[in-house]
Amino acid sequence: RMVSTAIIVLVTMMSMASAQDCPFTADACPVDLENSIDLFYFDENDSTSCQDHCKRLGNACSHFTMLDDDMTGMKKCFLFQSCSSSEACSKCVSGPKEPDYAGCVKKSEAGRVSGQPGVGSSTTCETSVQNVLAIYYFDSEEDHSCKHECDSLPQCSHWTQFEIKEPVVHNKCFLFYNCDTSEDCGSFTDCETQPSE
């Protein structure tokens, strides 16, 4: 009886350590105007570049979410300042910039890491991983660039632009597939959301 109790304790401790070693989940960090750093697209079979981009940003990026994007046939990659909560996303993989995701996938034979395989002012379109098409940064003097980027992409239906004050003043631009649902811009009271032309 004592041996079986010791085995149960050992197995529990190993599974807890394994979850800490590979902290990746099959969900999405929430996309919002302040927390989202950038959005990239990679080859659909590329499962390393998203986390690598987060690592390159140093302390600015702590987490990433990647998913297979049905609209483009590519791997969609979001970078975040933090990820204190999550949203359901069956095709997503989210996690911190460390440890190495590819190494965890190789170690995970049991499949623990799954999921891989206008509106006006003061509101924006739904900021979900499925709805955000791109994120751009422009010089604060470039008030037309966000609109221009959206107008140049046939998949873009709406755009949102607002000013970021730190570390330097610049404009942040979100492009959206649709704007069927709107959200509050939060602390970005100067945000502007308009349809593509």
C-alpha atoms as a PDB file:
ATOM      1  CA  ARG A   1       0.000   0.000   0.000  1.00  0.00           C
ATOM      2  CA  MET A   2       2.824   2.383   0.820  1.00  0.00           C
ATOM      3  CA  VAL A   3       4.479   1.658  -2.545  1.00  0.00           C
ATOM      4  CA  SER A   4       1.262   2.437  -4.488  1.00  0.00           C
ATOM      5  CA  THR A   5       0.835   5.726  -2.591  1.00  0.00           C
ATOM      6  CA  ALA A   6       4.424   6.663  -3.397  1.00  0.00           C
ATOM      7  CA  ILE A   7       3.846   5.894  -7.090  1.00  0.00           C
ATOM      8  CA  ILE A   8       0.690   8.051  -7.185  1.00  0.00           C
ATOM      9  CA  VAL A   9       2.539  10.958  -5.538  1.00  0.00           C
ATOM     10  CA  LEU A  10       5.457  10.572  -7.968  1.00  0.00           C
ATOM     11  CA  VAL A  11       3.189  10.489 -11.052  1.00  0.00           C
ATOM     12  CA  THR A  12       1.280  13.568  -9.811  1.00  0.00           C
ATOM     13  CA  MET A  13       4.513  15.466  -9.205  1.00  0.00           C
ATOM     14  CA  MET A  14       5.845  14.508 -12.656  1.00  0.00           C
ATOM     15  CA  SER A  15       2.665  15.667 -14.416  1.00  0.00           C
ATOM     16  CA  MET A  16       2.713  18.976 -12.517  1.00  0.00           C
ATOM     17  CA  ALA A  17       6.374  19.533 -13.436  1.00  0.00           C
ATOM     18  CA  SER A  18       5.644  18.585 -17.043  1.00  0.00           C
ATOM     19  CA  ALA A  19       2.784  21.146 -17.244  1.00  0.00           C
ATOM     20  CA  GLN A  20       5.145  23.810 -15.891  1.00  0.00           C
ATOM     21  CA  ASP A  21       7.860  22.750 -18.369  1.00  0.00           C
ATOM     22  CA  CYS A  22       5.443  23.053 -21.312  1.00  0.00           C
ATOM     23  CA  PRO A  23       2.930  25.780 -20.393  1.00  0.00           C
ATOM     24  CA  PHE A  24       1.222  25.925 -23.811  1.00  0.00           C
ATOM     25  CA  THR A  25      -2.560  25.809 -24.098  1.00  0.00           C
ATOM     26  CA  ALA A  26      -5.163  25.280 -26.823  1.00  0.00           C
ATOM     27  CA  ASP A  27      -6.809  28.686 -26.401  1.00  0.00           C
ATOM     28  CA  ALA A  28      -6.101  32.345 -27.244  1.00  0.00           C
ATOM     29  CA  CYS A  29      -4.758  35.275 -25.291  1.00  0.00           C
ATOM     30  CA  PRO A  30      -7.424  37.999 -25.506  1.00  0.00           C
ATOM     31  CA  VAL A  31      -6.886  40.479 -28.323  1.00  0.00           C
ATOM     32  CA  ASP A  32      -7.446  44.062 -27.247  1.00  0.00           C
ATOM     33  CA  LEU A  33      -6.213  47.439 -28.411  1.00  0.00           C
ATOM     34  CA  GLU A  34      -3.689  47.960 -25.626  1.00  0.00           C
ATOM     35  CA  ASN A  35      -2.294  44.471 -25.025  1.00  0.00           C
ATOM     36  CA  SER A  36      -1.842  43.369 -28.661  1.00  0.00           C
ATOM     37  CA  ILE A  37       1.638  44.216 -29.913  1.00  0.00           C
ATOM     38  CA  ASP A  38       1.667  42.923 -33.469  1.00  0.00           C
ATOM     39  CA  LEU A  39       0.282  40.407 -35.933  1.00  0.00           C
ATOM     40  CA  PHE A  40       2.271  38.359 -38.440  1.00  0.00           C
ATOM     41  CA  TYR A  41       1.518  35.682 -41.031  1.00  0.00           C
ATOM     42  CA  PHE A  42       3.834  32.741 -41.638  1.00  0.00           C
ATOM     43  CA  ASP A  43       3.798  29.574 -43.717  1.00  0.00           C
ATOM     44  CA  GLU A  44       0.994  27.270 -42.542  1.00  0.00           C
ATOM     45  CA  ASN A  45       3.529  24.641 -41.429  1.00  0.00           C
ATOM     46  CA  ASP A  46       5.715  27.093 -39.481  1.00  0.00           C
ATOM     47  CA  SER A  47       5.253  26.540 -35.746  1.00  0.00           C
ATOM     48  CA  THR A  48       8.397  28.332 -34.532  1.00  0.00           C
ATOM     49  CA  SER A  49       8.503  31.850 -36.040  1.00  0.00           C
ATOM     50  CA  CYS A  50       5.663  33.239 -33.926  1.00  0.00           C
ATOM     51  CA  GLN A  51       7.395  32.496 -30.631  1.00  0.00           C
ATOM     52  CA  ASP A  52      10.750  33.588 -32.118  1.00  0.00           C
ATOM     53  CA  HIS A  53       9.288  37.011 -32.978  1.00  0.00           C
ATOM     54  CA  CYS A  54       8.061  37.363 -29.379  1.00  0.00           C
ATOM     55  CA  LYS A  55      11.543  36.499 -28.058  1.00  0.00           C
ATOM     56  CA  ARG A  56      13.137  39.153 -30.316  1.00  0.00           C
ATOM     57  CA  LEU A  57      11.015  41.873 -28.716  1.00  0.00           C
ATOM     58  CA  GLY A  58      12.583  41.224 -25.310  1.00  0.00           C
ATOM     59  CA  ASN A  59      10.531  42.462 -22.356  1.00  0.00           C
ATOM     60  CA  ALA A  60       7.909  44.076 -24.611  1.00  0.00           C
ATOM     61  CA  CYS A  61       6.423  40.663 -25.504  1.00  0.00           C
ATOM     62  CA  SER A  62       5.551  38.003 -22.959  1.00  0.00           C
ATOM     63  CA  HIS A  63       3.097  35.717 -24.833  1.00  0.00           C
ATOM     64  CA  PHE A  64       1.976  34.674 -28.296  1.00  0.00           C
ATOM     65  CA  THR A  65      -1.053  33.016 -29.876  1.00  0.00           C
ATOM     66  CA  MET A  66      -0.833  31.230 -33.214  1.00  0.00           C
ATOM     67  CA  LEU A  67      -3.515  29.557 -35.289  1.00  0.00           C
ATOM     68  CA  ASP A  68      -4.176  28.238 -38.764  1.00  0.00           C
ATOM     69  CA  ASP A  69      -6.030  31.032 -40.575  1.00  0.00           C
ATOM     70  CA  ASP A  70      -8.680  29.633 -42.931  1.00  0.00           C
ATOM     71  CA  MET A  71      -9.034  32.987 -44.732  1.00  0.00           C
ATOM     72  CA  THR A  72      -5.377  33.125 -45.860  1.00  0.00           C
ATOM     73  CA  GLY A  73      -4.215  29.511 -45.590  1.00  0.00           C
ATOM     74  CA  MET A  74      -1.339  30.734 -43.432  1.00  0.00           C
ATOM     75  CA  LYS A  75      -0.253  30.593 -39.789  1.00  0.00           C
ATOM     76  CA  LYS A  76      -1.586  33.702 -38.014  1.00  0.00           C
ATOM     77  CA  CYS A  77       0.574  34.971 -35.136  1.00  0.00           C
ATOM     78  CA  PHE A  78      -0.413  37.462 -32.432  1.00  0.00           C
ATOM     79  CA  LEU A  79       2.105  38.927 -29.972  1.00  0.00           C
ATOM     80  CA  PHE A  80       0.994  40.222 -26.560  1.00  0.00           C
ATOM     81  CA  GLN A  81       2.366  42.276 -23.685  1.00  0.00           C
ATOM     82  CA  SER A  82       0.712  39.853 -21.243  1.00  0.00           C
ATOM     83  CA  CYS A  83      -1.794  37.000 -21.125  1.00  0.00           C
ATOM     84  CA  SER A  84      -3.559  36.965 -17.763  1.00  0.00           C
ATOM     85  CA  SER A  85      -6.743  35.361 -19.137  1.00  0.00           C
ATOM     86  CA  SER A  86      -7.744  33.295 -22.166  1.00  0.00           C
ATOM     87  CA  GLU A  87     -10.494  32.905 -24.750  1.00  0.00           C
ATOM     88  CA  ALA A  88     -11.759  29.692 -26.298  1.00  0.00           C
ATOM     89  CA  CYS A  89     -10.092  28.903 -29.614  1.00  0.00           C
ATOM     90  CA  SER A  90      -9.981  25.295 -30.765  1.00  0.00           C
ATOM     91  CA  LYS A  91      -7.315  25.876 -33.441  1.00  0.00           C
ATOM     92  CA  CYS A  92      -5.031  28.100 -31.324  1.00  0.00           C
ATOM     93  CA  VAL A  93      -1.832  27.509 -29.415  1.00  0.00           C
ATOM     94  CA  SER A  94      -0.847  30.109 -26.817  1.00  0.00           C
ATOM     95  CA  GLY A  95       2.037  30.398 -24.465  1.00  0.00           C
ATOM     96  CA  PRO A  96       4.953  32.412 -23.121  1.00  0.00           C
ATOM     97  CA  LYS A  97       8.130  33.226 -25.037  1.00  0.00           C
ATOM     98  CA  GLU A  98       9.980  30.578 -22.986  1.00  0.00           C
ATOM     99  CA  PRO A  99      10.377  27.585 -22.977  1.00  0.00           C
ATOM    100  CA  ASP A 100      10.822  26.548 -26.597  1.00  0.00           C
ATOM    101  CA  TYR A 101       7.450  25.504 -28.054  1.00  0.00           C
ATOM    102  CA  ALA A 102       8.943  23.174 -30.682  1.00  0.00           C
ATOM    103  CA  GLY A 103      10.827  21.306 -27.941  1.00  0.00           C
ATOM    104  CA  CYS A 104       7.610  20.877 -25.974  1.00  0.00           C
ATOM    105  CA  VAL A 105       5.797  19.487 -29.002  1.00  0.00           C
ATOM    106  CA  LYS A 106       8.545  16.904 -29.466  1.00  0.00           C
ATOM    107  CA  LYS A 107       8.323  15.908 -25.777  1.00  0.00           C
ATOM    108  CA  SER A 108       4.528  15.739 -25.858  1.00  0.00           C
ATOM    109  CA  GLU A 109       3.725  12.308 -27.249  1.00  0.00           C
ATOM    110  CA  ALA A 110       0.448  12.199 -25.317  1.00  0.00           C
ATOM    111  CA  GLY A 111      -0.841  15.294 -27.156  1.00  0.00           C
ATOM    112  CA  ARG A 112      -0.952  17.636 -24.160  1.00  0.00           C
ATOM    113  CA  VAL A 113      -0.328  20.559 -26.511  1.00  0.00           C
ATOM    114  CA  SER A 114      -3.290  20.512 -28.847  1.00  0.00           C
ATOM    115  CA  GLY A 115      -4.786  22.940 -31.286  1.00  0.00           C
ATOM    116  CA  GLN A 116      -1.719  22.889 -33.554  1.00  0.00           C
ATOM    117  CA  PRO A 117      -2.287  20.959 -36.847  1.00  0.00           C
ATOM    118  CA  GLY A 118     -17.994  51.728 -39.483  1.00  0.00           C
ATOM    119  CA  VAL A 119     -18.491  52.160 -36.102  1.00  0.00           C
ATOM    120  CA  GLY A 120     -17.367  55.690 -35.256  1.00  0.00           C
ATOM    121  CA  SER A 121     -15.198  57.070 -32.484  1.00  0.00           C
ATOM    122  CA  SER A 122     -14.512  55.404 -29.123  1.00  0.00           C
ATOM    123  CA  THR A 123     -15.542  51.997 -30.498  1.00  0.00           C
ATOM    124  CA  THR A 124     -13.700  49.384 -32.523  1.00  0.00           C
ATOM    125  CA  CYS A 125     -14.602  46.134 -34.240  1.00  0.00           C
ATOM    126  CA  GLU A 126     -14.470  42.792 -32.454  1.00  0.00           C
ATOM    127  CA  THR A 127     -10.849  42.190 -31.456  1.00  0.00           C
ATOM    128  CA  SER A 128     -10.748  38.390 -31.667  1.00  0.00           C
ATOM    129  CA  VAL A 129      -7.981  36.295 -33.184  1.00  0.00           C
ATOM    130  CA  GLN A 130     -10.351  35.302 -35.984  1.00  0.00           C
ATOM    131  CA  ASN A 131     -11.352  38.876 -36.852  1.00  0.00           C
ATOM    132  CA  VAL A 132      -8.078  40.853 -36.732  1.00  0.00           C
ATOM    133  CA  LEU A 133      -6.458  40.830 -40.176  1.00  0.00           C
ATOM    134  CA  ALA A 134      -3.344  42.924 -39.401  1.00  0.00           C
ATOM    135  CA  ILE A 135      -1.745  45.335 -36.934  1.00  0.00           C
ATOM    136  CA  TYR A 136       0.457  48.208 -38.169  1.00  0.00           C
ATOM    137  CA  TYR A 137       2.387  51.068 -36.606  1.00  0.00           C
ATOM    138  CA  PHE A 138       2.781  54.403 -38.379  1.00  0.00           C
ATOM    139  CA  ASP A 139       4.385  57.739 -37.670  1.00  0.00           C
ATOM    140  CA  SER A 140       2.013  60.062 -35.811  1.00  0.00           C
ATOM    141  CA  GLU A 141       1.876  62.359 -38.861  1.00  0.00           C
ATOM    142  CA  GLU A 142       0.562  59.557 -41.098  1.00  0.00           C
ATOM    143  CA  ASP A 143      -3.181  59.854 -40.526  1.00  0.00           C
ATOM    144  CA  HIS A 144      -4.004  58.268 -43.901  1.00  0.00           C
ATOM    145  CA  SER A 145      -1.883  55.081 -43.795  1.00  0.00           C
ATOM    146  CA  CYS A 146      -4.257  52.880 -41.802  1.00  0.00           C
ATOM    147  CA  LYS A 147      -7.135  53.628 -44.173  1.00  0.00           C
ATOM    148  CA  HIS A 148      -4.847  53.112 -47.169  1.00  0.00           C
ATOM    149  CA  GLU A 149      -3.725  49.676 -45.916  1.00  0.00           C
ATOM    150  CA  CYS A 150      -7.329  48.564 -45.372  1.00  0.00           C
ATOM    151  CA  ASP A 151      -8.460  49.878 -48.762  1.00  0.00           C
ATOM    152  CA  SER A 152      -5.629  47.960 -50.457  1.00  0.00           C
ATOM    153  CA  LEU A 153      -6.649  44.572 -49.000  1.00  0.00           C
ATOM    154  CA  PRO A 154      -9.830  42.975 -50.343  1.00  0.00           C
ATOM    155  CA  GLN A 155     -10.345  41.031 -47.068  1.00  0.00           C
ATOM    156  CA  CYS A 156     -10.361  44.223 -44.963  1.00  0.00           C
ATOM    157  CA  SER A 157     -13.795  45.625 -44.189  1.00  0.00           C
ATOM    158  CA  HIS A 158     -12.914  48.120 -41.389  1.00  0.00           C
ATOM    159  CA  TRP A 159      -9.941  49.781 -39.748  1.00  0.00           C
ATOM    160  CA  THR A 160      -9.261  51.341 -36.337  1.00  0.00           C
ATOM    161  CA  GLN A 161      -6.496  53.862 -35.654  1.00  0.00           C
ATOM    162  CA  PHE A 162      -5.434  55.524 -32.403  1.00  0.00           C
ATOM    163  CA  GLU A 163      -2.426  57.294 -30.948  1.00  0.00           C
ATOM    164  CA  ILE A 164       0.126  55.595 -28.686  1.00  0.00           C
ATOM    165  CA  LYS A 165       2.192  57.954 -26.533  1.00  0.00           C
ATOM    166  CA  GLU A 166       5.022  55.658 -25.331  1.00  0.00           C
ATOM    167  CA  PRO A 167       7.844  54.990 -25.941  1.00  0.00           C
ATOM    168  CA  VAL A 168       7.435  57.543 -28.758  1.00  0.00           C
ATOM    169  CA  VAL A 169       4.262  59.073 -30.165  1.00  0.00           C
ATOM    170  CA  HIS A 170       2.946  56.998 -33.081  1.00  0.00           C
ATOM    171  CA  ASN A 171      -0.293  55.622 -34.516  1.00  0.00           C
ATOM    172  CA  LYS A 172      -1.408  52.024 -34.035  1.00  0.00           C
ATOM    173  CA  CYS A 173      -3.644  50.532 -36.718  1.00  0.00           C
ATOM    174  CA  PHE A 174      -5.883  47.436 -36.598  1.00  0.00           C
ATOM    175  CA  LEU A 175      -7.430  45.970 -39.764  1.00  0.00           C
ATOM    176  CA  PHE A 176     -10.527  43.738 -39.470  1.00  0.00           C
ATOM    177  CA  TYR A 177     -12.247  41.102 -41.587  1.00  0.00           C
ATOM    178  CA  ASN A 178     -15.677  42.380 -40.462  1.00  0.00           C
ATOM    179  CA  CYS A 179     -17.311  44.723 -38.004  1.00  0.00           C
ATOM    180  CA  ASP A 180     -20.494  42.816 -37.184  1.00  0.00           C
ATOM    181  CA  THR A 181     -19.778  43.353 -33.478  1.00  0.00           C
ATOM    182  CA  SER A 182     -18.281  46.452 -31.887  1.00  0.00           C
ATOM    183  CA  GLU A 183     -16.295  46.967 -28.689  1.00  0.00           C
ATOM    184  CA  ASP A 184     -15.360  49.958 -26.588  1.00  0.00           C
ATOM    185  CA  CYS A 185     -11.878  51.379 -27.267  1.00  0.00           C
ATOM    186  CA  GLY A 186     -11.181  51.488 -23.542  1.00  0.00           C
ATOM    187  CA  SER A 187      -8.563  54.055 -22.579  1.00  0.00           C
ATOM    188  CA  PHE A 188      -7.987  55.022 -26.227  1.00  0.00           C
ATOM    189  CA  THR A 189     -10.673  57.710 -26.413  1.00  0.00           C
ATOM    190  CA  ASP A 190      -9.187  59.110 -29.639  1.00  0.00           C
ATOM    191  CA  CYS A 191      -9.640  55.866 -31.595  1.00  0.00           C
ATOM    192  CA  GLU A 192     -11.269  56.138 -34.984  1.00  0.00           C
ATOM    193  CA  THR A 193     -12.980  53.212 -36.727  1.00  0.00           C
ATOM    194  CA  GLN A 194     -14.160  53.432 -40.329  1.00  0.00           C
ATOM    195  CA  PRO A 195     -15.178  51.063 -43.149  1.00  0.00           C
ATOM    196  CA  SER A 196     -12.992  50.331 -46.136  1.00  0.00           C
ATOM    197  CA  GLU A 197     -13.856  52.138 -49.371  1.00  0.00           C
END
